[in-house]
Amino acid sequence: MSLLEAVVLGILQGLTEFLPVSSSGHLEIAKAFWGDAQVPEEGLLFTVVVHAATAISTLVVFRKDVMDILRELFQLRWNDETRFLAKILLSMVPAAVIGVLFEAHIERLFGGHVVLVGCMLLVTGALLLLADRAKNTGKAVGYGNAFVIGISQAVAILPGVSRSGATISTSVLLGIDRARAARFSFLMVVPLILGKMAKDVMDGKVSTDGASLLPLVAGFVAAFLAGLFACAWMVELVKRAKLRYFSIYCFMVGIAAIAGALIFYGKR
């Protein structure tokens, strides 16, 4: 992987992890465009590095919330912060179960299936459009809501379904306050990202053999800085109900991806 590719893919990951346009979908399209010639271990290492960068950027943006939760947790108090943590843990269950039971099947979906990515981007666009028109969004996140949002996060394992788009849209459609929806959506993914990274490392899937340090560092920095910007910007956009623009973007990219893939395969 060249330095330029690392920076571009890092920026894509940082932006699309938070903006509701599917980071996995964009990375799959980008790799299909460039041709993914790297060995799987190196590709997985880069994926782990840029996901770590976006997880850290989330913790930085929501550092006050995270510190409040940790402080109350260590004091063994059952209050708003610890209840919020319990809801996050509950929301993790669907994606964790699906990830463990169907890991091999899921990995096969990430192999240049551009038509699938395009179709899932259309689904993301439809969800965003519905959420943008939702009214009566003033509730807090309940335990039942947390589990339903978790199911949306599990569906977003599919390449092309935006995790933030699916979870925020589901939250808003459930009547949850938009600011709370964004906060819950971004914080709920951090334990899953860290858990997936730890599992890949313990399973021996991540190898540093033959990996070049400079592209990894460049990708990490690019993803981290882009993530800081995108996370803070997205919170404000959700508050102001500006999801329709991302809906239009997903429709455009989805249609372009499907058309491009069909034309390419038609010429083969």
Foldseek 3Di string as FASTA:
>chain_A
DDLVVLLVLLLLLLQQLQQQFFNLLVVLVVCLVVPPPDDQQQVVQLVLLSLVLLLVLLCVLCVVLVVVLVVCVVVVDDDPSVVLVVLLVLLQVLQVVCCVVCVVVLVVLSDNPLLQLLVLLLVLLVLLVQLLPFDQQDDAQDSVLSNVLSNQQNVSSRGNRRQLSSSLSSNSNVRHQQLNSLNSSSNSCSVVSVVVSVVCVVVVSHDCVPPDDSSSVSSSVSSNVSNNVNSVVSSVCSNVSPSNVSSVVSNVSSVVSNVVVVVVVVVD
